[in-house]
């Protein structure tokens, strides 16, 4: 039921997008070739129809690549509009490339107007969808009642997920438990109706559209008896395997040649998202190098004049996929600072140079890392890279620590702008890093960069 309804819901969104795109193109055409803007001959209608058909294929495909036809509970109204904007720009680029080869003289002004109209109309359609379905849900329209068998951790996860996807019109009417003492209590606001052994009685007296079996691994032997009872009824039945504790970073259900496969761990960034983040990094790092160039020149002179040794400090760090690289920083310590081995900086560290404390307090020693971003060793935003000498110990102490190396390290990150710098909890940092990786978007990157620019680089823990 979930899949069928989701496909129906997405097909309506696709149809609405196609109508909005066709209207956007029609408005662009009329604006361009009528009234004050009419200063060249109108292109043949055949060419216009071909361009329109190409647009009606390219734009939805690009939207699909950006996951605009899937339910994303973490995406806000602003986030969805931003994804529409990003996808519209990419789709327009592809459209221009295609039309250049086949219709070199077709009006570029029309395509520009179409791009603007498409972004406005598709965004309006998406926001309208949200408002429309919110109104329907408030009236209880087409509500499907779900009974969850299992009130443990897995059952709670199922209830949370259904509640986070309210646009599908499902509601949990209750749960069944293996423990009699839990009957009469609530789980995430939903009542525990009875024990699992009372499944048949509950189905007889309650209106249930779908049963979701959410039992832990140790209760799997109960499935045979439950399925025999359910086989006597016409209710839909779904099974949630007790594997979510092992699912990390973009895990989920996949299909290969008709064979269902559960993905427990996948690459967080791939395809167009990977390209988009790299383009974002190159453009912004180049811009930041130009803007901070005079500051870096002054700091380089001050480092050289206030202490003996090189201006830059190259420190080996570990990045994506365990790749080792030399991270650039302005030198803030004496050249003999690590004669006794690697160690974390401490408050009032005597190894600091005269200007080192100032540079570290305001994170100005990190500015040369924009060059690491430009050459591809790092990203502007991501988990901060650690030194290999510390990483082996962290991996033993902190579960899932290694997952932060599935993306490029960053100059700044979600953990850093939340105060987790320097001598702070490594475990908390990892939690923030994994949250960033799981919820990545270009809008999230921009948010982190803006917060960094407006004070996020300041920290009482920066020694």
Protein backbone atom coordinates (compact mmCIF):
# COMPACT_ATOMS: atom_id res chain seq x y z
CA UNK A 1 0.00 0.00 0.00
CA UNK A 2 2.80 2.41 0.90
CA UNK A 3 4.56 1.90 -2.43
CA UNK A 4 1.38 2.02 -4.50
CA UNK A 5 0.16 5.21 -2.83
CA UNK A 6 3.61 6.81 -3.07
CA UNK A 7 3.75 6.05 -6.81
CA UNK A 8 0.27 7.49 -7.28
CA UNK A 9 1.21 10.59 -5.28
CA UNK A 10 4.43 11.03 -7.29
CA UNK A 11 2.64 10.55 -10.63
CA UNK A 12 0.30 13.41 -9.72
CA UNK A 13 3.30 15.60 -8.88
CA UNK A 14 4.90 14.67 -12.21
CA UNK A 15 1.72 15.52 -14.13
CA UNK A 16 1.42 18.85 -12.29
CA UNK A 17 5.06 19.66 -13.10
CA UNK A 18 4.51 18.89 -16.79
CA UNK A 19 1.49 21.22 -16.88
CA UNK A 20 3.47 23.95 -15.09
CA UNK A 21 6.41 23.55 -17.50
CA UNK A 22 4.16 23.69 -20.56
CA UNK A 23 2.47 26.82 -19.20
CA UNK A 24 5.86 28.36 -18.40
CA UNK A 25 7.06 27.74 -21.95
CA UNK A 26 3.85 29.12 -23.44
CA UNK A 27 4.12 32.30 -21.37
CA UNK A 28 7.77 32.72 -22.34
CA UNK A 29 6.94 32.28 -26.02
CA UNK A 30 4.09 34.79 -25.91
CA UNK A 31 6.15 37.30 -23.96
CA UNK A 32 9.11 37.01 -26.32
CA UNK A 33 7.27 37.18 -29.63
CA UNK A 34 4.54 39.69 -28.89
CA UNK A 35 4.34 43.28 -27.71
CA UNK A 36 7.45 45.28 -26.87
CA UNK A 37 9.88 42.36 -27.12
CA UNK A 38 9.02 41.50 -30.71
CA UNK A 39 12.19 42.51 -32.59
CA UNK A 40 13.00 39.34 -34.55
CA UNK A 41 11.10 36.87 -36.66
CA UNK A 42 9.04 34.20 -34.94
CA UNK A 43 10.71 30.74 -35.17
CA UNK A 44 8.88 27.96 -37.02
CA UNK A 45 6.20 26.33 -34.92
CA UNK A 46 7.77 22.91 -35.58
CA UNK A 47 11.04 24.02 -33.93
CA UNK A 48 9.16 25.44 -30.96
CA UNK A 49 7.22 22.22 -30.40
CA UNK A 50 10.41 20.16 -30.52
CA UNK A 51 12.09 22.43 -27.95
CA UNK A 52 9.01 22.18 -25.74
CA UNK A 53 8.97 18.38 -25.95
CA UNK A 54 12.69 18.22 -25.08
CA UNK A 55 12.07 20.49 -22.09
CA UNK A 56 9.16 18.31 -20.92
CA UNK A 57 11.55 15.34 -20.86
CA UNK A 58 14.76 16.96 -19.56
CA UNK A 59 13.22 18.91 -16.66
CA UNK A 60 11.32 16.00 -15.02
CA UNK A 61 14.37 13.74 -15.39
CA UNK A 62 16.50 16.35 -13.65
CA UNK A 63 13.87 16.79 -10.93
CA UNK A 64 13.84 13.04 -10.42
CA UNK A 65 17.64 13.00 -10.06
CA UNK A 66 17.28 15.62 -7.31
CA UNK A 67 14.78 13.37 -5.46
CA UNK A 68 11.93 15.79 -6.06
CA UNK A 69 9.63 12.84 -6.75
CA UNK A 70 10.35 11.12 -3.45
CA UNK A 71 9.18 11.91 0.06
CA UNK A 72 11.89 13.63 2.09
CA UNK A 73 10.87 14.27 5.68
CA UNK A 74 14.01 16.36 6.34
CA UNK A 75 13.28 18.77 3.47
CA UNK A 76 11.63 22.03 4.48
CA UNK A 77 9.55 24.32 2.27
CA UNK A 78 12.65 26.44 1.64
CA UNK A 79 14.72 23.32 0.99
CA UNK A 80 12.30 22.05 -1.66
CA UNK A 81 12.24 25.44 -3.42
CA UNK A 82 16.04 25.49 -3.38
CA UNK A 83 16.17 22.00 -4.91
CA UNK A 84 13.74 23.17 -7.61
CA UNK A 85 16.00 26.16 -8.30
CA UNK A 86 19.14 24.02 -8.51
CA UNK A 87 17.45 21.45 -10.75
CA UNK A 88 15.96 24.16 -12.99
CA UNK A 89 19.42 25.64 -13.61
CA UNK A 90 20.87 22.21 -14.42
CA UNK A 91 17.95 21.28 -16.68
CA UNK A 92 18.24 24.60 -18.52
CA UNK A 93 21.94 23.98 -19.10
CA UNK A 94 21.16 20.59 -20.62
CA UNK A 95 18.34 22.08 -22.71
CA UNK A 96 20.62 24.81 -24.08
CA UNK A 97 23.30 22.23 -24.90
CA UNK A 98 20.80 20.08 -26.80
CA UNK A 99 19.21 22.98 -28.65
CA UNK A 100 22.62 24.38 -29.61
CA UNK A 101 23.42 21.28 -31.65
CA UNK A 102 20.05 20.97 -33.32
CA UNK A 103 18.52 24.48 -33.27
CA UNK A 104 21.47 26.83 -33.04
CA UNK A 105 19.43 29.95 -33.85
CA UNK A 106 16.51 29.30 -31.53
CA UNK A 107 15.70 32.26 -29.29
CA UNK A 108 17.87 32.29 -26.18
CA UNK A 109 15.63 34.96 -24.69
CA UNK A 110 12.69 32.55 -24.84
CA UNK A 111 14.67 29.89 -22.99
CA UNK A 112 15.74 32.44 -20.35
CA UNK A 113 12.15 33.52 -19.79
CA UNK A 114 11.08 29.88 -19.71
CA UNK A 115 13.67 29.15 -17.00
CA UNK A 116 12.38 31.96 -14.80
CA UNK A 117 8.75 30.99 -15.37
CA UNK A 118 9.49 27.30 -14.77
CA UNK A 119 11.16 27.96 -11.43
CA UNK A 120 8.32 30.21 -10.25
CA UNK A 121 5.47 27.96 -11.43
CA UNK A 122 6.98 24.62 -10.33
CA UNK A 123 7.83 26.08 -6.93
CA UNK A 124 4.28 27.40 -6.63
CA UNK A 125 2.90 23.96 -7.58
CA UNK A 126 5.07 22.24 -4.96
CA UNK A 127 4.05 24.66 -2.22
CA UNK A 128 0.44 24.34 -3.34
CA UNK A 129 0.67 20.54 -3.06
CA UNK A 130 1.88 20.84 0.51
CA UNK A 131 -0.94 23.23 1.44
CA UNK A 132 -3.56 21.07 -0.32
CA UNK A 133 -2.53 17.81 1.34
CA UNK A 134 -2.24 19.52 4.72
CA UNK A 135 -5.86 20.64 4.33
CA UNK A 136 -6.94 17.11 3.35
CA UNK A 137 -5.17 15.57 6.32
CA UNK A 138 -6.83 18.00 8.70
CA UNK A 139 -10.17 16.70 7.44
CA UNK A 140 -9.10 13.05 7.72
CA UNK A 141 -9.60 12.45 3.98
CA UNK A 142 -8.65 8.99 2.66
CA UNK A 143 -7.09 7.99 5.97
CA UNK A 144 -5.65 4.45 6.13
CA UNK A 145 -5.57 2.78 9.57
CA UNK A 146 -2.38 0.88 10.44
CA UNK A 147 -1.94 -1.73 13.17
CA UNK A 148 1.69 -2.21 14.23
CA UNK A 149 2.56 -5.64 15.64
CA UNK A 150 5.47 -4.98 17.98
CA UNK A 151 5.79 -2.16 20.51
CA UNK A 152 9.54 -2.31 21.03
CA UNK A 153 12.26 -0.15 19.52
CA UNK A 154 11.46 -1.29 15.98
CA UNK A 155 7.73 -0.68 16.44
CA UNK A 156 8.46 2.81 17.77
CA UNK A 157 10.59 3.49 14.69
CA UNK A 158 7.67 2.43 12.46
CA UNK A 159 5.27 4.77 14.29
CA UNK A 160 7.72 7.69 14.00
CA UNK A 161 8.20 7.09 10.29
CA UNK A 162 4.46 6.97 9.57
CA UNK A 163 3.90 10.13 11.60
CA UNK A 164 6.72 11.87 9.68
CA UNK A 165 5.04 11.00 6.35
CA UNK A 166 1.60 12.43 7.03
CA UNK A 167 1.18 13.44 3.38
CA UNK A 168 0.50 9.76 2.56
CA UNK A 169 -2.66 9.74 4.68
CA UNK A 170 -1.71 6.86 7.01
CA UNK A 171 -2.37 6.79 10.76
CA UNK A 172 -1.34 4.27 13.40
CA UNK A 173 -4.54 3.22 15.16
CA UNK A 174 -2.66 1.11 17.71
CA UNK A 175 0.10 -1.39 18.51
CA UNK A 176 0.31 -4.96 19.81
CA UNK A 177 2.98 -6.04 22.29
CA UNK A 178 4.52 -9.26 23.55
CA UNK A 179 4.57 -7.91 27.12
CA UNK A 180 1.15 -7.86 28.89
CA UNK A 181 2.23 -5.07 31.27
CA UNK A 182 2.53 -2.64 28.33
CA UNK A 183 -1.14 -3.03 27.33
CA UNK A 184 -2.97 0.22 28.04
CA UNK A 185 0.14 2.37 27.71
CA UNK A 186 1.09 4.49 24.68
CA UNK A 187 3.99 4.46 22.23
CA UNK A 188 4.74 7.79 20.56
CA UNK A 189 1.21 8.88 21.44
CA UNK A 190 -0.48 5.75 19.99
CA UNK A 191 -2.25 3.19 22.24
CA UNK A 192 -0.97 -0.32 22.92
CA UNK A 193 -4.23 -2.23 22.37
CA UNK A 194 -3.44 -5.82 23.31
CA UNK A 195 -0.85 -8.56 23.22
CA UNK A 196 0.38 -10.20 20.02
CA UNK A 197 -1.60 -13.35 20.81
CA UNK A 198 -4.81 -11.27 20.52
CA UNK A 199 -4.12 -10.27 16.91
CA UNK A 200 -7.18 -12.08 15.53
CA UNK A 201 -9.53 -10.56 18.11
CA UNK A 202 -8.23 -7.05 17.43
CA UNK A 203 -8.70 -7.47 13.68
CA UNK A 204 -12.27 -8.70 14.26
CA UNK A 205 -13.35 -5.74 16.38
CA UNK A 206 -11.31 -2.89 14.86
CA UNK A 207 -11.21 -1.35 11.38
CA UNK A 208 -7.68 -2.10 10.16
CA UNK A 209 -6.49 -1.42 6.60
CA UNK A 210 -2.93 -2.68 7.01
CA UNK A 211 -0.86 -4.68 9.48
CA UNK A 212 2.86 -3.97 9.85
CA UNK A 213 4.92 -6.69 11.51
CA UNK A 214 7.78 -5.00 13.40
CA UNK A 215 9.25 -7.68 15.63
CA UNK A 216 12.82 -7.89 16.95
CA UNK A 217 15.07 -10.71 15.77
CA UNK A 218 14.47 -12.76 18.91
CA UNK A 219 10.70 -12.78 18.19
CA UNK A 220 10.99 -13.99 14.59
CA UNK A 221 9.72 -17.52 15.54
CA UNK A 222 6.33 -15.91 16.20
CA UNK A 223 5.98 -14.94 12.54
CA UNK A 224 4.75 -18.34 11.38
CA UNK A 225 1.70 -18.30 13.68
CA UNK A 226 0.97 -14.62 12.92
CA UNK A 227 1.10 -15.18 9.16
CA UNK A 228 -1.27 -18.15 9.46
CA UNK A 229 -3.80 -15.91 11.22
CA UNK A 230 -3.36 -13.09 8.70
CA UNK A 231 -3.77 -15.49 5.77
CA UNK A 232 -7.42 -15.90 6.79
CA UNK A 233 -8.10 -12.16 6.29
CA UNK A 234 -7.90 -9.71 3.40
CA UNK A 235 -5.93 -7.06 5.29
CA UNK A 236 -2.66 -5.82 3.71
CA UNK A 237 0.45 -7.11 5.48
CA UNK A 238 3.93 -5.57 5.53
CA UNK A 239 7.09 -6.80 7.25
CA UNK A 240 9.80 -4.50 8.62
CA UNK A 241 13.03 -6.48 9.15
CA UNK A 242 14.88 -5.84 12.39
CA UNK A 243 17.96 -4.47 10.69
CA UNK A 244 17.67 -0.71 11.17
CA UNK A 245 20.29 -0.79 13.97
CA UNK A 246 22.75 -1.94 11.32
CA UNK A 247 21.63 0.51 8.63
CA UNK A 248 24.03 3.44 8.31
CA UNK A 249 24.34 6.32 5.86
CA UNK A 250 21.82 6.02 3.07
CA UNK A 251 20.94 2.40 3.63
CA UNK A 252 17.66 1.11 2.29
CA UNK A 253 15.89 -1.42 0.10
CA UNK A 254 17.20 -1.93 -3.42
CA UNK A 255 16.27 -4.23 -6.27
CA UNK A 256 18.65 -6.13 -8.51
CA UNK A 257 17.15 -8.18 -11.32
CA UNK A 258 13.93 -8.63 -9.37
CA UNK A 259 15.82 -9.71 -6.24
CA UNK A 260 15.12 -7.50 -3.18
CA UNK A 261 18.35 -6.48 -1.44
CA UNK A 262 18.64 -4.56 1.82
CA UNK A 263 21.45 -2.02 1.66
CA UNK A 264 22.95 -1.57 5.13
CA UNK A 265 25.52 1.05 4.17
CA UNK A 266 25.92 3.15 1.04
CA UNK A 267 27.82 6.13 -0.34
CA UNK A 268 26.22 9.33 0.99
CA UNK A 269 27.17 11.41 -2.05
CA UNK A 270 27.05 10.10 -5.58
CA UNK A 271 26.05 11.06 -9.12
CA UNK A 272 24.90 14.63 -9.69
CA UNK A 273 25.08 15.44 -5.97
CA UNK A 274 28.79 14.65 -5.97
CA UNK A 275 29.33 16.84 -9.04
CA UNK A 276 27.23 19.67 -7.59
CA UNK A 277 29.19 19.69 -4.33
CA UNK A 278 32.53 19.70 -6.18
CA UNK A 279 31.46 22.60 -8.43
CA UNK A 280 30.21 24.43 -5.34
CA UNK A 281 33.58 23.88 -3.62
CA UNK A 282 35.67 25.04 -6.58
CA UNK A 283 33.65 28.21 -7.21
CA UNK A 284 33.40 29.28 -3.57
CA UNK A 285 36.96 28.36 -2.60
CA UNK A 286 38.31 30.36 -5.55
CA UNK A 287 36.14 33.31 -4.54
CA UNK A 288 37.22 33.06 -0.90
CA UNK A 289 40.91 32.90 -1.89
CA UNK A 290 40.45 36.14 -3.83
CA UNK A 291 38.59 37.82 -0.95
CA UNK A 292 40.95 36.69 1.81
CA UNK A 293 44.16 36.94 -0.25
CA UNK A 294 45.23 40.33 1.22
CA UNK A 295 44.52 39.07 4.75
CA UNK A 296 46.55 35.90 4.16
CA UNK A 297 49.44 37.98 2.82
CA UNK A 298 49.51 40.13 5.97
CA UNK A 299 49.26 37.06 8.22
CA UNK A 300 52.08 35.34 6.34
CA UNK A 301 54.34 38.36 6.95
CA UNK A 302 53.42 38.44 10.65
CA UNK A 303 54.13 34.72 11.07
CA UNK A 304 57.54 35.14 9.45
CA UNK A 305 58.48 38.22 11.47
CA UNK A 306 57.42 36.91 14.89
CA UNK A 307 59.08 33.47 14.94
CA UNK A 308 61.69 31.37 13.24
CA UNK A 309 60.58 28.70 10.84
CA UNK A 310 58.32 28.27 7.80
CA UNK A 311 55.15 30.31 7.25
CA UNK A 312 52.97 27.29 6.59
CA UNK A 313 52.59 24.13 8.59
CA UNK A 314 51.78 21.01 6.59
CA UNK A 315 50.15 18.38 8.75
CA UNK A 316 49.19 14.89 7.58
CA UNK A 317 45.44 14.31 7.90
CA UNK A 318 43.08 11.57 6.76
CA UNK A 319 40.26 12.44 4.35
CA UNK A 320 37.67 10.58 2.29
CA UNK A 321 38.20 6.82 1.89
CA UNK A 322 41.26 6.97 4.15
CA UNK A 323 43.17 9.21 1.71
CA UNK A 324 46.11 10.93 3.41
CA UNK A 325 46.90 14.51 2.44
CA UNK A 326 48.94 17.45 3.70
CA UNK A 327 46.57 19.98 5.27
CA UNK A 328 47.81 23.58 5.09
CA UNK A 329 47.72 25.96 8.06
CA UNK A 330 49.57 29.06 9.09
CA UNK A 331 52.19 27.93 11.59
CA UNK A 332 51.10 28.78 15.14
CA UNK A 333 53.55 26.62 17.12
CA UNK A 334 57.32 26.59 17.54
CA UNK A 335 59.17 24.33 15.12
CA UNK A 336 60.11 21.98 17.99
CA UNK A 337 56.50 21.68 19.24
CA UNK A 338 56.21 17.95 18.52
CA UNK A 339 59.62 16.64 19.44
CA UNK A 340 57.93 14.46 22.06
CA UNK A 341 55.21 13.26 19.66
CA UNK A 342 51.77 14.37 18.49
CA UNK A 343 49.46 15.87 21.08
CA UNK A 344 46.39 18.07 21.27
CA UNK A 345 46.75 21.78 21.94
CA UNK A 346 45.76 22.91 25.44
CA UNK A 347 44.66 26.18 27.04
CA UNK A 348 47.66 28.49 27.44
CA UNK A 349 49.81 26.06 25.41
CA UNK A 350 53.45 27.22 25.86
CA UNK A 351 54.37 25.90 22.40
CA UNK A 352 52.45 28.68 20.65
CA UNK A 353 54.25 31.48 18.82
CA UNK A 354 53.61 35.14 19.78
CA UNK A 355 50.93 35.46 17.08
CA UNK A 356 49.84 31.82 17.25
CA UNK A 357 47.30 32.30 20.05
CA UNK A 358 45.58 35.09 18.11
CA UNK A 359 45.47 33.08 14.89
CA UNK A 360 44.05 30.00 16.60
CA UNK A 361 41.44 31.93 18.61
CA UNK A 362 39.92 33.43 15.47
CA UNK A 363 40.64 30.38 13.24
CA UNK A 364 42.73 32.52 10.91
CA UNK A 365 45.35 29.77 10.77
CA UNK A 366 42.81 27.71 8.79
CA UNK A 367 42.56 30.12 5.82
CA UNK A 368 45.21 28.34 3.67
CA UNK A 369 42.91 25.28 3.63
CA UNK A 370 40.93 26.99 0.86
CA UNK A 371 43.81 25.82 -1.37
CA UNK A 372 43.25 22.23 -0.12
CA UNK A 373 39.61 22.63 -1.22
CA UNK A 374 40.57 24.03 -4.61
CA UNK A 375 42.84 21.07 -5.45
CA UNK A 376 40.27 18.54 -4.19
CA UNK A 377 41.80 17.24 -0.95
CA UNK A 378 39.03 18.82 1.14
CA UNK A 379 35.57 20.33 0.87
CA UNK A 380 34.42 23.66 2.27
CA UNK A 381 31.96 21.86 4.54
CA UNK A 382 32.35 18.43 6.06
CA UNK A 383 33.75 16.58 9.09
CA UNK A 384 37.04 18.07 10.25
CA UNK A 385 39.97 15.81 9.30
CA UNK A 386 41.93 14.14 12.08
CA UNK A 387 45.54 13.03 12.26
CA UNK A 388 46.14 9.33 11.49
CA UNK A 389 47.98 8.89 14.78
CA UNK A 390 44.72 9.61 16.67
CA UNK A 391 42.25 7.94 14.30
CA UNK A 392 43.09 4.32 15.13
CA UNK A 393 42.38 4.99 18.79
CA UNK A 394 39.11 6.82 17.99
CA UNK A 395 37.90 3.91 15.83
CA UNK A 396 38.34 1.52 18.75
CA UNK A 397 36.50 3.76 21.21
CA UNK A 398 33.66 5.21 19.11
CA UNK A 399 31.24 3.07 17.04
CA UNK A 400 30.67 4.28 13.45
CA UNK A 401 33.64 6.66 13.65
CA UNK A 402 34.93 5.39 10.30
CA UNK A 403 31.73 6.51 8.52
CA UNK A 404 32.83 10.15 8.63
CA UNK A 405 35.52 9.21 6.07
CA UNK A 406 32.89 8.40 3.44
CA UNK A 407 32.86 12.10 2.47
CA UNK A 408 35.57 14.72 2.06
CA UNK A 409 36.79 16.50 5.16
CA UNK A 410 35.76 20.13 5.54
CA UNK A 411 37.27 23.48 6.47
CA UNK A 412 34.21 23.94 8.66
CA UNK A 413 31.40 21.63 9.67
CA UNK A 414 28.13 21.12 11.51
CA UNK A 415 29.96 20.06 14.68
CA UNK A 416 32.29 23.08 14.63
CA UNK A 417 29.56 25.73 14.34
CA UNK A 418 27.81 24.04 17.27
CA UNK A 419 30.83 24.63 19.50
CA UNK A 420 32.47 21.20 19.19
CA UNK A 421 36.05 22.25 18.52
CA UNK A 422 39.35 21.63 20.22
CA UNK A 423 39.24 19.66 23.45
CA UNK A 424 35.56 18.64 23.29
CA UNK A 425 33.73 15.30 23.18
CA UNK A 426 34.81 13.25 20.16
CA UNK A 427 31.63 11.18 20.41
CA UNK A 428 29.43 14.29 20.20
CA UNK A 429 31.41 15.50 17.21
CA UNK A 430 30.84 12.19 15.44
CA UNK A 431 27.10 12.40 16.11
CA UNK A 432 27.00 15.85 14.51
CA UNK A 433 29.20 14.74 11.60
CA UNK A 434 26.99 11.75 10.82
CA UNK A 435 23.86 13.91 11.04
CA UNK A 436 25.41 16.27 8.48
CA UNK A 437 26.34 13.42 6.13
CA UNK A 438 22.90 11.81 6.37
CA UNK A 439 21.08 15.12 5.77
CA UNK A 440 23.46 16.72 3.28
CA UNK A 441 22.25 19.29 0.77
CA UNK A 442 23.78 22.37 -0.85
CA UNK A 443 21.38 24.46 1.20
CA UNK A 444 22.72 22.82 4.37
CA UNK A 445 26.27 23.65 3.22
CA UNK A 446 25.29 27.28 2.67
CA UNK A 447 23.70 27.44 6.12
CA UNK A 448 26.90 26.15 7.75
CA UNK A 449 29.09 28.56 5.76
CA UNK A 450 26.90 31.53 6.71
CA UNK A 451 26.94 30.57 10.38
CA UNK A 452 30.70 30.15 10.18
CA UNK A 453 31.08 33.58 8.58
CA UNK A 454 28.94 35.22 11.28
CA UNK A 455 30.81 33.92 14.29
CA UNK A 456 30.89 30.15 13.89
CA UNK A 457 34.69 30.24 13.66
CA UNK A 458 34.91 31.61 17.23
CA UNK A 459 35.10 29.08 20.05
CA UNK A 460 36.16 29.09 23.68
CA UNK A 461 37.73 25.68 22.94
CA UNK A 462 40.07 26.99 20.19
CA UNK A 463 43.50 26.98 21.85
